[in-house]
Amino acid sequence: MNTAIGIADAARTARAGRRAAPAPAARVARRALHGVLLLDKPAGMTSNAALQRARRLLRADKAGHTGTLDPLASGLLPLCFGAATKFAQANLDADKAYRATLRLGERSTTFDGEGTITPGRAPGFDRAALDAACAALTGAIEQLPPMHSALKKDGRALYEYARAGQTVERMPRRVSIHSIDLVDWQGDALVLDVRCSKGTYIRTLAADLGERLGCGAWLAALRRSASGGFDLAQAVTLPALEALDEAARDALLLAPDALLAEAPALHLQADDAGRFLSGLRRRIEHPDAPRVRVYGPPPRAGARAAEVFLGSARIACGELIAERLLSPLEVDALAA
C-alpha cells in the first residue's frame, strides 16, 4: 500500500469523524438572581443535586441551601440565590418540623433502611406507654450522633469510618425536642410529627424511642414539613419548576429578607442608610436586639423602590452594628 495514500485516507477519516461529532452543548448563560426558592426535595436525591438542578433551571449565578436534608428524606429545602446566600445561616439555625415514619419491632445498624436490619421484639406497648416514651424524649436531651452521618471527626465524615468498619468516639450533642405528636399507628408502622431544634437526628430519635418501647425501631421515611417560618405548603417540586417558563420561575422567589422575617425591622433615613452600607457604627435610640432587618432609601437616584433591604445588624448598648451587608449591585437589583 502506498504510504502517502494511506496517510491521506487517515486524514480524510479523521476529518469526517470531526465533522460527525456532535456539537458541544451550549453553555447556560448565568445571571445575577436574588431570592429564596422553597423546594420540595424528592427522596433519593442529595440536597446539593437538588440545588444544582434548580440553579440550572433559574440560570442563577450564585446559589446555596440552608442545611443538608438527607438523601433518603423528602420535603422542604429552602434554596438561596445571590444576596440571599448571605443570610442562609438564619434558617440553618432555625427550628425544624418533620413527619417521621418508624418501623417497629426491628433495629437497623444505621437507624434507617440503608443499614442491616435485625429482629427486635413484637410491639407490645399501649398508648399510655407510647405517650410516656415520647414525653421522656421531649425537651432538652442529649443525642449521640450516629456513625452513619456527615458529622466530621479529625477531618473525616463519620460515615467514612463506619464504611470502613470502624467506630469512633463521639460526644453527645444537646438538642431540643419541642413536641412529638402521634399521627397514625397501625401494627408495626408508627407515624409521628416532630418539632425540634437544629442539629437533631430524627434517625437517632427513632432508635431511642424504639429502645424505650422495648421493641426496637428504625426510621422508614422522613419528610421535612417546616423550616423556621417556611412551610412545605409553600414549596414547589422540581417537575413543577421545570414545567414553568422563566418568568413564572422567577415569580416563585421570595425576597432575601424573608430569611430574617422573625427579626424586627429597622428603617433608616438616607444619610444613615449610606453610613450603614459603609459598615459604620452609629448611635441609635432603640432597644438592644441580637438581630434586626435594616431598610433604607436606595443610594442610586431614580430607583423604582422608595425603600430597600440593606442587610442585617445587631443593636448593643445603643449602637447599630452591621453584620451582613448587601453590595451596591445587590441593592440596585432589589431596588429596580
C-alpha atoms as a PDB file:
ATOM      1  CA  MET A   1       0.000   0.000   0.000  1.00  0.00           C
ATOM      2  CA  ASN A   2       1.221   3.500  -0.925  1.00  0.00           C
ATOM      3  CA  THR A   3       2.158   5.240   2.323  1.00  0.00           C
ATOM      4  CA  ALA A   4       1.075   8.679   1.076  1.00  0.00           C
ATOM      5  CA  ILE A   5      -2.384   7.332   0.090  1.00  0.00           C
ATOM      6  CA  GLY A   6      -2.715   5.663   3.476  1.00  0.00           C
ATOM      7  CA  ILE A   7      -1.884   8.896   5.269  1.00  0.00           C
ATOM      8  CA  ALA A   8      -4.347  10.836   3.111  1.00  0.00           C
ATOM      9  CA  ASP A   9      -7.095   8.273   3.767  1.00  0.00           C
ATOM     10  CA  ALA A  10      -6.437   8.501   7.501  1.00  0.00           C
ATOM     11  CA  ALA A  11      -6.614  12.292   7.378  1.00  0.00           C
ATOM     12  CA  ARG A  12      -9.948  12.173   5.486  1.00  0.00           C
ATOM     13  CA  THR A  13     -11.311   9.688   8.019  1.00  0.00           C
ATOM     14  CA  ALA A  14     -10.236  11.917  10.910  1.00  0.00           C
ATOM     15  CA  ARG A  15     -11.816  14.980   9.265  1.00  0.00           C
ATOM     16  CA  ALA A  16     -15.053  13.043   8.684  1.00  0.00           C
ATOM     17  CA  GLY A  17     -15.034  11.934  12.296  1.00  0.00           C
ATOM     18  CA  ARG A  18     -14.593  15.509  13.454  1.00  0.00           C
ATOM     19  CA  ARG A  19     -17.471  16.632  11.221  1.00  0.00           C
ATOM     20  CA  ALA A  20     -19.698  13.813  12.522  1.00  0.00           C
ATOM     21  CA  ALA A  21     -19.013  14.514  16.191  1.00  0.00           C
ATOM     22  CA  PRO A  22     -21.952  16.174  17.952  1.00  0.00           C
ATOM     23  CA  ALA A  23     -21.619  19.845  18.690  1.00  0.00           C
ATOM     24  CA  PRO A  24     -20.900  20.633  22.332  1.00  0.00           C
ATOM     25  CA  ALA A  25     -23.909  21.708  24.356  1.00  0.00           C
ATOM     26  CA  ALA A  26     -24.343  25.448  24.607  1.00  0.00           C
ATOM     27  CA  ARG A  27     -23.311  26.894  27.950  1.00  0.00           C
ATOM     28  CA  VAL A  28     -26.141  28.185  30.085  1.00  0.00           C
ATOM     29  CA  ALA A  29     -25.935  31.956  30.423  1.00  0.00           C
ATOM     30  CA  ARG A  30     -25.878  32.621  34.153  1.00  0.00           C
ATOM     31  CA  ARG A  31     -27.421  35.743  35.655  1.00  0.00           C
ATOM     32  CA  ALA A  32     -27.448  37.567  38.956  1.00  0.00           C
ATOM     33  CA  LEU A  33     -30.581  36.436  40.755  1.00  0.00           C
ATOM     34  CA  HIS A  34     -31.529  37.285  44.334  1.00  0.00           C
ATOM     35  CA  GLY A  35     -34.084  35.434  46.413  1.00  0.00           C
ATOM     36  CA  VAL A  36     -35.225  32.271  48.162  1.00  0.00           C
ATOM     37  CA  LEU A  37     -36.872  29.290  46.477  1.00  0.00           C
ATOM     38  CA  LEU A  38     -38.778  26.851  48.670  1.00  0.00           C
ATOM     39  CA  LEU A  39     -38.204  23.461  47.090  1.00  0.00           C
ATOM     40  CA  ASP A  40     -39.953  20.181  47.854  1.00  0.00           C
ATOM     41  CA  LYS A  41     -36.937  17.875  47.544  1.00  0.00           C
ATOM     42  CA  PRO A  42     -37.704  14.328  46.419  1.00  0.00           C
ATOM     43  CA  ALA A  43     -36.453  11.320  48.355  1.00  0.00           C
ATOM     44  CA  GLY A  44     -33.391   9.672  46.845  1.00  0.00           C
ATOM     45  CA  MET A  45     -31.687  12.922  45.802  1.00  0.00           C
ATOM     46  CA  THR A  46     -28.936  14.764  47.657  1.00  0.00           C
ATOM     47  CA  SER A  47     -29.560  18.342  48.706  1.00  0.00           C
ATOM     48  CA  ASN A  48     -26.700  19.531  46.501  1.00  0.00           C
ATOM     49  CA  ALA A  49     -28.058  17.711  43.439  1.00  0.00           C
ATOM     50  CA  ALA A  50     -31.455  19.330  44.011  1.00  0.00           C
ATOM     51  CA  LEU A  51     -29.788  22.727  44.408  1.00  0.00           C
ATOM     52  CA  GLN A  52     -27.777  22.390  41.192  1.00  0.00           C
ATOM     53  CA  ARG A  53     -30.830  21.285  39.216  1.00  0.00           C
ATOM     54  CA  ALA A  54     -32.853  24.266  40.419  1.00  0.00           C
ATOM     55  CA  ARG A  55     -29.886  26.551  39.812  1.00  0.00           C
ATOM     56  CA  ARG A  56     -29.675  25.445  36.164  1.00  0.00           C
ATOM     57  CA  LEU A  57     -33.392  25.997  35.663  1.00  0.00           C
ATOM     58  CA  LEU A  58     -33.158  29.508  37.110  1.00  0.00           C
ATOM     59  CA  ARG A  59     -29.779  30.232  35.441  1.00  0.00           C
ATOM     60  CA  ALA A  60     -28.611  31.601  38.789  1.00  0.00           C
ATOM     61  CA  ASP A  61     -25.018  32.760  39.148  1.00  0.00           C
ATOM     62  CA  LYS A  62     -24.660  32.118  42.887  1.00  0.00           C
ATOM     63  CA  ALA A  63     -26.582  29.564  44.953  1.00  0.00           C
ATOM     64  CA  GLY A  64     -26.608  27.682  48.247  1.00  0.00           C
ATOM     65  CA  HIS A  65     -29.002  25.901  50.577  1.00  0.00           C
ATOM     66  CA  THR A  66     -29.853  26.303  54.251  1.00  0.00           C
ATOM     67  CA  GLY A  67     -28.661  22.966  55.549  1.00  0.00           C
ATOM     68  CA  THR A  68     -28.499  19.434  54.197  1.00  0.00           C
ATOM     69  CA  LEU A  69     -31.613  17.277  54.066  1.00  0.00           C
ATOM     70  CA  ASP A  70     -30.615  13.598  53.976  1.00  0.00           C
ATOM     71  CA  PRO A  71     -30.924  11.888  50.560  1.00  0.00           C
ATOM     72  CA  LEU A  72     -33.483   9.429  51.966  1.00  0.00           C
ATOM     73  CA  ALA A  73     -35.631  12.321  53.228  1.00  0.00           C
ATOM     74  CA  SER A  74     -38.033  14.454  51.216  1.00  0.00           C
ATOM     75  CA  GLY A  75     -39.667  17.778  51.854  1.00  0.00           C
ATOM     76  CA  LEU A  76     -38.850  21.414  52.432  1.00  0.00           C
ATOM     77  CA  LEU A  77     -35.410  22.599  51.327  1.00  0.00           C
ATOM     78  CA  PRO A  78     -35.018  26.403  51.176  1.00  0.00           C
ATOM     79  CA  LEU A  79     -32.593  27.376  48.391  1.00  0.00           C
ATOM     80  CA  CYS A  80     -30.814  30.724  48.387  1.00  0.00           C
ATOM     81  CA  PHE A  81     -29.665  32.684  45.354  1.00  0.00           C
ATOM     82  CA  GLY A  82     -27.425  35.722  45.094  1.00  0.00           C
ATOM     83  CA  ALA A  83     -27.784  38.136  48.014  1.00  0.00           C
ATOM     84  CA  ALA A  84     -29.959  35.642  49.906  1.00  0.00           C
ATOM     85  CA  THR A  85     -26.947  33.336  50.433  1.00  0.00           C
ATOM     86  CA  LYS A  86     -25.585  35.902  52.914  1.00  0.00           C
ATOM     87  CA  PHE A  87     -28.488  35.211  55.259  1.00  0.00           C
ATOM     88  CA  ALA A  88     -28.805  31.414  54.875  1.00  0.00           C
ATOM     89  CA  GLN A  89     -27.393  30.845  58.361  1.00  0.00           C
ATOM     90  CA  ALA A  90     -30.547  32.298  59.912  1.00  0.00           C
ATOM     91  CA  ASN A  91     -32.649  29.464  58.504  1.00  0.00           C
ATOM     92  CA  LEU A  92     -29.955  26.886  59.188  1.00  0.00           C
ATOM     93  CA  ASP A  93     -30.163  27.848  62.881  1.00  0.00           C
ATOM     94  CA  ALA A  94     -33.962  27.782  62.930  1.00  0.00           C
ATOM     95  CA  ASP A  95     -36.222  25.083  64.358  1.00  0.00           C
ATOM     96  CA  LYS A  96     -37.435  22.331  62.022  1.00  0.00           C
ATOM     97  CA  ALA A  97     -40.532  20.118  61.760  1.00  0.00           C
ATOM     98  CA  TYR A  98     -40.715  16.601  60.336  1.00  0.00           C
ATOM     99  CA  ARG A  99     -43.170  13.816  59.691  1.00  0.00           C
ATOM    100  CA  ALA A 100     -41.384  10.581  60.579  1.00  0.00           C
ATOM    101  CA  THR A 101     -42.490   7.027  59.824  1.00  0.00           C
ATOM    102  CA  LEU A 102     -40.997   4.407  62.141  1.00  0.00           C
ATOM    103  CA  ARG A 103     -40.826   0.652  61.631  1.00  0.00           C
ATOM    104  CA  LEU A 104     -41.353  -1.040  64.993  1.00  0.00           C
ATOM    105  CA  GLY A 105     -40.074  -4.443  66.092  1.00  0.00           C
ATOM    106  CA  GLU A 106     -36.748  -4.192  64.237  1.00  0.00           C
ATOM    107  CA  ARG A 107     -33.376  -2.481  64.573  1.00  0.00           C
ATOM    108  CA  SER A 108     -31.029  -1.060  61.947  1.00  0.00           C
ATOM    109  CA  THR A 109     -27.289  -0.532  62.130  1.00  0.00           C
ATOM    110  CA  THR A 110     -27.764   2.889  60.531  1.00  0.00           C
ATOM    111  CA  PHE A 111     -31.101   3.620  62.241  1.00  0.00           C
ATOM    112  CA  ASP A 112     -32.723   3.715  58.790  1.00  0.00           C
ATOM    113  CA  GLY A 113     -33.421   1.468  55.800  1.00  0.00           C
ATOM    114  CA  GLU A 114     -29.856   1.571  54.472  1.00  0.00           C
ATOM    115  CA  GLY A 115     -28.411  -0.477  57.303  1.00  0.00           C
ATOM    116  CA  THR A 116     -28.528  -4.124  58.284  1.00  0.00           C
ATOM    117  CA  ILE A 117     -31.968  -4.899  59.712  1.00  0.00           C
ATOM    118  CA  THR A 118     -32.246  -7.316  62.639  1.00  0.00           C
ATOM    119  CA  PRO A 119     -35.340  -8.501  64.506  1.00  0.00           C
ATOM    120  CA  GLY A 120     -36.339  -6.811  67.755  1.00  0.00           C
ATOM    121  CA  ARG A 121     -39.450  -7.709  69.697  1.00  0.00           C
ATOM    122  CA  ALA A 122     -43.051  -7.575  68.585  1.00  0.00           C
ATOM    123  CA  PRO A 123     -44.589  -4.233  69.699  1.00  0.00           C
ATOM    124  CA  GLY A 124     -46.487  -4.948  72.900  1.00  0.00           C
ATOM    125  CA  PHE A 125     -46.978  -1.496  74.359  1.00  0.00           C
ATOM    126  CA  ASP A 126     -50.173   0.538  74.696  1.00  0.00           C
ATOM    127  CA  ARG A 127     -50.953   4.203  74.033  1.00  0.00           C
ATOM    128  CA  ALA A 128     -50.068   5.207  77.586  1.00  0.00           C
ATOM    129  CA  ALA A 129     -46.594   3.649  77.232  1.00  0.00           C
ATOM    130  CA  LEU A 130     -46.104   5.380  73.879  1.00  0.00           C
ATOM    131  CA  ASP A 131     -47.090   8.749  75.344  1.00  0.00           C
ATOM    132  CA  ALA A 132     -44.708   8.207  78.261  1.00  0.00           C
ATOM    133  CA  ALA A 133     -41.812   7.281  75.936  1.00  0.00           C
ATOM    134  CA  CYS A 134     -42.416  10.344  73.757  1.00  0.00           C
ATOM    135  CA  ALA A 135     -42.630  12.582  76.831  1.00  0.00           C
ATOM    136  CA  ALA A 136     -39.294  11.222  78.108  1.00  0.00           C
ATOM    137  CA  LEU A 137     -37.644  12.257  74.829  1.00  0.00           C
ATOM    138  CA  THR A 138     -39.251  15.716  74.736  1.00  0.00           C
ATOM    139  CA  GLY A 139     -37.417  18.815  75.908  1.00  0.00           C
ATOM    140  CA  ALA A 140     -33.648  19.357  76.122  1.00  0.00           C
ATOM    141  CA  ILE A 141     -31.990  15.970  75.598  1.00  0.00           C
ATOM    142  CA  GLU A 142     -28.546  14.551  74.815  1.00  0.00           C
ATOM    143  CA  GLN A 143     -28.162  12.789  71.463  1.00  0.00           C
ATOM    144  CA  LEU A 144     -25.206  10.676  70.386  1.00  0.00           C
ATOM    145  CA  PRO A 145     -24.596  11.369  66.677  1.00  0.00           C
ATOM    146  CA  PRO A 146     -24.945   8.184  64.589  1.00  0.00           C
ATOM    147  CA  MET A 147     -21.841   6.739  62.989  1.00  0.00           C
ATOM    148  CA  HIS A 148     -23.579   6.929  59.613  1.00  0.00           C
ATOM    149  CA  SER A 149     -23.690  10.734  59.498  1.00  0.00           C
ATOM    150  CA  ALA A 150     -21.820  13.567  57.809  1.00  0.00           C
ATOM    151  CA  LEU A 151     -20.529  14.952  61.106  1.00  0.00           C
ATOM    152  CA  LYS A 152     -16.736  15.152  60.949  1.00  0.00           C
ATOM    153  CA  LYS A 153     -14.035  13.877  63.298  1.00  0.00           C
ATOM    154  CA  ASP A 154     -10.361  14.571  62.576  1.00  0.00           C
ATOM    155  CA  GLY A 155     -11.301  15.862  59.127  1.00  0.00           C
ATOM    156  CA  ARG A 156     -13.265  12.765  58.069  1.00  0.00           C
ATOM    157  CA  ALA A 157     -17.022  12.252  57.985  1.00  0.00           C
ATOM    158  CA  LEU A 158     -18.274   9.687  60.476  1.00  0.00           C
ATOM    159  CA  TYR A 159     -19.823   7.622  57.702  1.00  0.00           C
ATOM    160  CA  GLU A 160     -16.331   7.104  56.231  1.00  0.00           C
ATOM    161  CA  TYR A 161     -15.231   5.422  59.462  1.00  0.00           C
ATOM    162  CA  ALA A 162     -18.463   3.410  59.543  1.00  0.00           C
ATOM    163  CA  ARG A 163     -17.986   2.151  55.986  1.00  0.00           C
ATOM    164  CA  ALA A 164     -14.501   1.010  56.962  1.00  0.00           C
ATOM    165  CA  GLY A 165     -15.976  -0.960  59.855  1.00  0.00           C
ATOM    166  CA  GLN A 166     -14.667   1.454  62.490  1.00  0.00           C
ATOM    167  CA  THR A 167     -16.498   3.020  65.412  1.00  0.00           C
ATOM    168  CA  VAL A 168     -15.010   6.228  66.804  1.00  0.00           C
ATOM    169  CA  GLU A 169     -15.708   8.116  69.992  1.00  0.00           C
ATOM    170  CA  ARG A 170     -18.392  10.776  69.647  1.00  0.00           C
ATOM    171  CA  MET A 171     -19.527  13.434  72.063  1.00  0.00           C
ATOM    172  CA  PRO A 172     -23.254  13.695  72.825  1.00  0.00           C
ATOM    173  CA  ARG A 173     -24.939  16.811  71.466  1.00  0.00           C
ATOM    174  CA  ARG A 174     -27.610  18.763  73.300  1.00  0.00           C
ATOM    175  CA  VAL A 175     -30.735  19.306  71.203  1.00  0.00           C
ATOM    176  CA  SER A 176     -34.312  20.318  71.956  1.00  0.00           C
ATOM    177  CA  ILE A 177     -37.338  18.258  71.012  1.00  0.00           C
ATOM    178  CA  HIS A 178     -40.232  20.705  71.270  1.00  0.00           C
ATOM    179  CA  SER A 179     -43.006  18.192  70.605  1.00  0.00           C
ATOM    180  CA  ILE A 180     -43.700  14.631  69.422  1.00  0.00           C
ATOM    181  CA  ASP A 181     -47.286  14.107  68.243  1.00  0.00           C
ATOM    182  CA  LEU A 182     -48.898  10.854  67.144  1.00  0.00           C
ATOM    183  CA  VAL A 183     -50.310  10.965  63.584  1.00  0.00           C
ATOM    184  CA  ASP A 184     -51.012   7.277  62.910  1.00  0.00           C
ATOM    185  CA  TRP A 185     -50.256   3.874  64.431  1.00  0.00           C
ATOM    186  CA  GLN A 186     -51.077   0.622  62.704  1.00  0.00           C
ATOM    187  CA  GLY A 187     -49.302  -2.553  63.733  1.00  0.00           C
ATOM    188  CA  ASP A 188     -45.567  -2.068  63.261  1.00  0.00           C
ATOM    189  CA  ALA A 189     -45.884   1.315  61.491  1.00  0.00           C
ATOM    190  CA  LEU A 190     -45.816   4.450  63.629  1.00  0.00           C
ATOM    191  CA  VAL A 191     -46.143   7.958  62.171  1.00  0.00           C
ATOM    192  CA  LEU A 192     -45.104  10.957  64.269  1.00  0.00           C
ATOM    193  CA  ASP A 193     -44.873  14.719  63.812  1.00  0.00           C
ATOM    194  CA  VAL A 194     -41.704  16.090  65.424  1.00  0.00           C
ATOM    195  CA  ARG A 195     -40.756  19.713  66.085  1.00  0.00           C
ATOM    196  CA  CYS A 196     -37.142  20.161  67.090  1.00  0.00           C
ATOM    197  CA  SER A 197     -34.070  22.357  67.159  1.00  0.00           C
ATOM    198  CA  LYS A 198     -31.379  22.378  64.513  1.00  0.00           C
ATOM    199  CA  GLY A 199     -28.913  19.515  64.620  1.00  0.00           C
ATOM    200  CA  THR A 200     -31.460  16.924  65.746  1.00  0.00           C
ATOM    201  CA  TYR A 201     -31.017  13.443  64.269  1.00  0.00           C
ATOM    202  CA  ILE A 202     -34.505  12.055  63.708  1.00  0.00           C
ATOM    203  CA  ARG A 203     -32.945   8.632  62.980  1.00  0.00           C
ATOM    204  CA  THR A 204     -31.419   8.632  66.444  1.00  0.00           C
ATOM    205  CA  LEU A 205     -34.707   9.773  67.946  1.00  0.00           C
ATOM    206  CA  ALA A 206     -36.485   6.861  66.224  1.00  0.00           C
ATOM    207  CA  ALA A 207     -33.955   4.327  67.542  1.00  0.00           C
ATOM    208  CA  ASP A 208     -34.071   5.800  71.061  1.00  0.00           C
ATOM    209  CA  LEU A 209     -37.859   5.665  71.059  1.00  0.00           C
ATOM    210  CA  GLY A 210     -37.761   2.030  69.970  1.00  0.00           C
ATOM    211  CA  GLU A 211     -35.462   1.179  72.884  1.00  0.00           C
ATOM    212  CA  ARG A 212     -37.739   2.928  75.361  1.00  0.00           C
ATOM    213  CA  LEU A 213     -40.678   0.962  73.980  1.00  0.00           C
ATOM    214  CA  GLY A 214     -38.689  -2.266  74.328  1.00  0.00           C
ATOM    215  CA  CYS A 215     -39.211  -3.424  70.747  1.00  0.00           C
ATOM    216  CA  GLY A 216     -36.648  -1.573  68.644  1.00  0.00           C
ATOM    217  CA  ALA A 217     -37.403   0.819  65.786  1.00  0.00           C
ATOM    218  CA  TRP A 218     -35.816   2.405  62.747  1.00  0.00           C
ATOM    219  CA  LEU A 219     -36.690   5.370  60.542  1.00  0.00           C
ATOM    220  CA  ALA A 220     -38.522   4.139  57.441  1.00  0.00           C
ATOM    221  CA  ALA A 221     -39.399   7.536  55.922  1.00  0.00           C
ATOM    222  CA  LEU A 222     -38.840  11.198  56.713  1.00  0.00           C
ATOM    223  CA  ARG A 223     -40.410  14.340  55.304  1.00  0.00           C
ATOM    224  CA  ARG A 224     -39.496  17.858  56.421  1.00  0.00           C
ATOM    225  CA  SER A 225     -42.640  19.942  56.788  1.00  0.00           C
ATOM    226  CA  ALA A 226     -41.256  23.224  58.098  1.00  0.00           C
ATOM    227  CA  SER A 227     -38.008  25.144  58.485  1.00  0.00           C
ATOM    228  CA  GLY A 228     -38.093  28.315  60.525  1.00  0.00           C
ATOM    229  CA  GLY A 229     -41.037  30.347  59.290  1.00  0.00           C
ATOM    230  CA  PHE A 230     -41.263  28.448  55.977  1.00  0.00           C
ATOM    231  CA  ASP A 231     -43.842  25.724  55.409  1.00  0.00           C
ATOM    232  CA  LEU A 232     -43.908  22.810  52.979  1.00  0.00           C
ATOM    233  CA  ALA A 233     -47.235  24.032  51.603  1.00  0.00           C
ATOM    234  CA  GLN A 234     -45.319  26.953  50.038  1.00  0.00           C
ATOM    235  CA  ALA A 235     -42.811  24.701  48.244  1.00  0.00           C
ATOM    236  CA  VAL A 236     -42.576  23.679  44.590  1.00  0.00           C
ATOM    237  CA  THR A 237     -41.426  20.322  43.230  1.00  0.00           C
ATOM    238  CA  LEU A 238     -38.676  20.019  40.623  1.00  0.00           C
ATOM    239  CA  PRO A 239     -41.066  18.687  37.901  1.00  0.00           C
ATOM    240  CA  ALA A 240     -43.408  21.617  38.533  1.00  0.00           C
ATOM    241  CA  LEU A 241     -40.478  24.037  38.375  1.00  0.00           C
ATOM    242  CA  GLU A 242     -39.321  22.516  35.071  1.00  0.00           C
ATOM    243  CA  ALA A 243     -42.792  22.949  33.571  1.00  0.00           C
ATOM    244  CA  LEU A 244     -42.772  26.726  34.137  1.00  0.00           C
ATOM    245  CA  ASP A 245     -41.296  29.400  31.914  1.00  0.00           C
ATOM    246  CA  GLU A 246     -38.544  31.624  33.276  1.00  0.00           C
ATOM    247  CA  ALA A 247     -40.841  34.478  34.318  1.00  0.00           C
ATOM    248  CA  ALA A 248     -43.040  32.097  36.308  1.00  0.00           C
ATOM    249  CA  ARG A 249     -39.991  30.542  37.972  1.00  0.00           C
ATOM    250  CA  ASP A 250     -38.707  33.966  38.962  1.00  0.00           C
ATOM    251  CA  ALA A 251     -42.114  34.814  40.414  1.00  0.00           C
ATOM    252  CA  LEU A 252     -41.722  31.960  42.925  1.00  0.00           C
ATOM    253  CA  LEU A 253     -38.687  33.582  44.547  1.00  0.00           C
ATOM    254  CA  LEU A 254     -39.144  35.158  47.954  1.00  0.00           C
ATOM    255  CA  ALA A 255     -37.129  38.277  48.753  1.00  0.00           C
ATOM    256  CA  PRO A 256     -33.797  37.724  50.554  1.00  0.00           C
ATOM    257  CA  ASP A 257     -35.116  39.328  53.738  1.00  0.00           C
ATOM    258  CA  ALA A 258     -37.705  36.523  54.021  1.00  0.00           C
ATOM    259  CA  LEU A 259     -34.911  34.579  55.746  1.00  0.00           C
ATOM    260  CA  LEU A 260     -34.955  37.170  58.542  1.00  0.00           C
ATOM    261  CA  ALA A 261     -38.732  37.573  58.817  1.00  0.00           C
ATOM    262  CA  GLU A 262     -38.712  36.827  62.560  1.00  0.00           C
ATOM    263  CA  ALA A 263     -36.273  39.676  63.291  1.00  0.00           C
ATOM    264  CA  PRO A 264     -37.634  43.192  63.932  1.00  0.00           C
ATOM    265  CA  ALA A 265     -37.342  45.748  61.127  1.00  0.00           C
ATOM    266  CA  LEU A 266     -35.385  48.979  61.431  1.00  0.00           C
ATOM    267  CA  HIS A 267     -35.917  51.833  58.963  1.00  0.00           C
ATOM    268  CA  LEU A 268     -33.185  54.414  58.330  1.00  0.00           C
ATOM    269  CA  GLN A 269     -33.159  57.778  56.637  1.00  0.00           C
ATOM    270  CA  ALA A 270     -30.950  58.342  53.583  1.00  0.00           C
ATOM    271  CA  ASP A 271     -27.839  59.626  55.397  1.00  0.00           C
ATOM    272  CA  ASP A 272     -27.932  56.899  57.994  1.00  0.00           C
ATOM    273  CA  ALA A 273     -28.592  54.266  55.312  1.00  0.00           C
ATOM    274  CA  GLY A 274     -25.453  55.339  53.463  1.00  0.00           C
ATOM    275  CA  ARG A 275     -23.371  55.136  56.638  1.00  0.00           C
ATOM    276  CA  PHE A 276     -24.823  51.732  57.433  1.00  0.00           C
ATOM    277  CA  LEU A 277     -23.892  50.380  53.985  1.00  0.00           C
ATOM    278  CA  SER A 278     -20.355  51.644  54.600  1.00  0.00           C
ATOM    279  CA  GLY A 279     -20.179  49.487  57.715  1.00  0.00           C
ATOM    280  CA  LEU A 280     -20.017  52.431  60.105  1.00  0.00           C
ATOM    281  CA  ARG A 281     -21.469  52.098  63.576  1.00  0.00           C
ATOM    282  CA  ARG A 282     -23.882  54.746  64.773  1.00  0.00           C
ATOM    283  CA  ARG A 283     -25.765  55.624  67.934  1.00  0.00           C
ATOM    284  CA  ILE A 284     -29.434  54.769  67.840  1.00  0.00           C
ATOM    285  CA  GLU A 285     -32.393  55.080  70.184  1.00  0.00           C
ATOM    286  CA  HIS A 286     -33.631  51.527  70.041  1.00  0.00           C
ATOM    287  CA  PRO A 287     -33.729  48.611  72.498  1.00  0.00           C
ATOM    288  CA  ASP A 288     -30.881  46.135  72.201  1.00  0.00           C
ATOM    289  CA  ALA A 289     -31.596  43.306  69.773  1.00  0.00           C
ATOM    290  CA  PRO A 290     -29.473  40.328  68.652  1.00  0.00           C
ATOM    291  CA  ARG A 291     -30.640  40.793  65.062  1.00  0.00           C
ATOM    292  CA  VAL A 292     -32.615  43.375  63.084  1.00  0.00           C
ATOM    293  CA  ARG A 293     -33.533  43.741  59.420  1.00  0.00           C
ATOM    294  CA  VAL A 294     -32.352  47.119  58.153  1.00  0.00           C
ATOM    295  CA  TYR A 295     -34.095  49.111  55.402  1.00  0.00           C
ATOM    296  CA  GLY A 296     -33.485  52.487  53.877  1.00  0.00           C
ATOM    297  CA  PRO A 297     -33.665  54.543  50.666  1.00  0.00           C
ATOM    298  CA  PRO A 298     -31.525  53.065  47.855  1.00  0.00           C
ATOM    299  CA  PRO A 299     -28.346  55.108  47.253  1.00  0.00           C
ATOM    300  CA  ARG A 300     -28.844  55.203  43.486  1.00  0.00           C
ATOM    301  CA  ALA A 301     -31.029  58.034  42.235  1.00  0.00           C
ATOM    302  CA  GLY A 302     -34.009  57.053  40.114  1.00  0.00           C
ATOM    303  CA  ALA A 303     -34.592  53.649  41.724  1.00  0.00           C
ATOM    304  CA  ARG A 304     -38.140  52.365  41.497  1.00  0.00           C
ATOM    305  CA  ALA A 305     -38.363  51.389  45.172  1.00  0.00           C
ATOM    306  CA  ALA A 306     -38.523  54.136  47.785  1.00  0.00           C
ATOM    307  CA  GLU A 307     -37.033  51.791  50.367  1.00  0.00           C
ATOM    308  CA  VAL A 308     -34.932  48.650  50.055  1.00  0.00           C
ATOM    309  CA  PHE A 309     -33.479  45.935  52.251  1.00  0.00           C
ATOM    310  CA  LEU A 310     -29.864  46.820  53.140  1.00  0.00           C
ATOM    311  CA  GLY A 311     -28.741  43.965  55.368  1.00  0.00           C
ATOM    312  CA  SER A 312     -28.761  42.638  58.916  1.00  0.00           C
ATOM    313  CA  ALA A 313     -27.361  44.129  62.097  1.00  0.00           C
ATOM    314  CA  ARG A 314     -27.460  43.871  65.855  1.00  0.00           C
ATOM    315  CA  ILE A 315     -28.105  46.601  68.401  1.00  0.00           C
ATOM    316  CA  ALA A 316     -25.933  46.610  71.501  1.00  0.00           C
ATOM    317  CA  CYS A 317     -25.512  49.359  74.112  1.00  0.00           C
ATOM    318  CA  GLY A 318     -27.332  51.848  71.908  1.00  0.00           C
ATOM    319  CA  GLU A 319     -25.167  51.166  68.829  1.00  0.00           C
ATOM    320  CA  LEU A 320     -26.289  49.806  65.455  1.00  0.00           C
ATOM    321  CA  ILE A 321     -23.626  47.304  64.363  1.00  0.00           C
ATOM    322  CA  ALA A 322     -23.743  45.974  60.804  1.00  0.00           C
ATOM    323  CA  GLU A 323     -23.371  42.217  60.336  1.00  0.00           C
ATOM    324  CA  ARG A 324     -24.244  41.173  56.770  1.00  0.00           C
ATOM    325  CA  LEU A 325     -24.464  43.949  54.184  1.00  0.00           C
ATOM    326  CA  LEU A 326     -25.738  43.919  50.624  1.00  0.00           C
ATOM    327  CA  SER A 327     -23.329  45.159  47.968  1.00  0.00           C
ATOM    328  CA  PRO A 328     -24.207  48.248  45.894  1.00  0.00           C
ATOM    329  CA  LEU A 329     -25.058  45.998  42.926  1.00  0.00           C
ATOM    330  CA  GLU A 330     -27.334  43.861  45.074  1.00  0.00           C
ATOM    331  CA  VAL A 331     -29.097  46.906  46.498  1.00  0.00           C
ATOM    332  CA  ASP A 332     -29.604  48.257  42.984  1.00  0.00           C
ATOM    333  CA  ALA A 333     -31.016  44.926  41.828  1.00  0.00           C
ATOM    334  CA  LEU A 334     -33.530  44.780  44.689  1.00  0.00           C
ATOM    335  CA  ALA A 335     -34.497  48.425  44.192  1.00  0.00           C
ATOM    336  CA  ALA A 336     -35.078  48.043  40.421  1.00  0.00           C
END
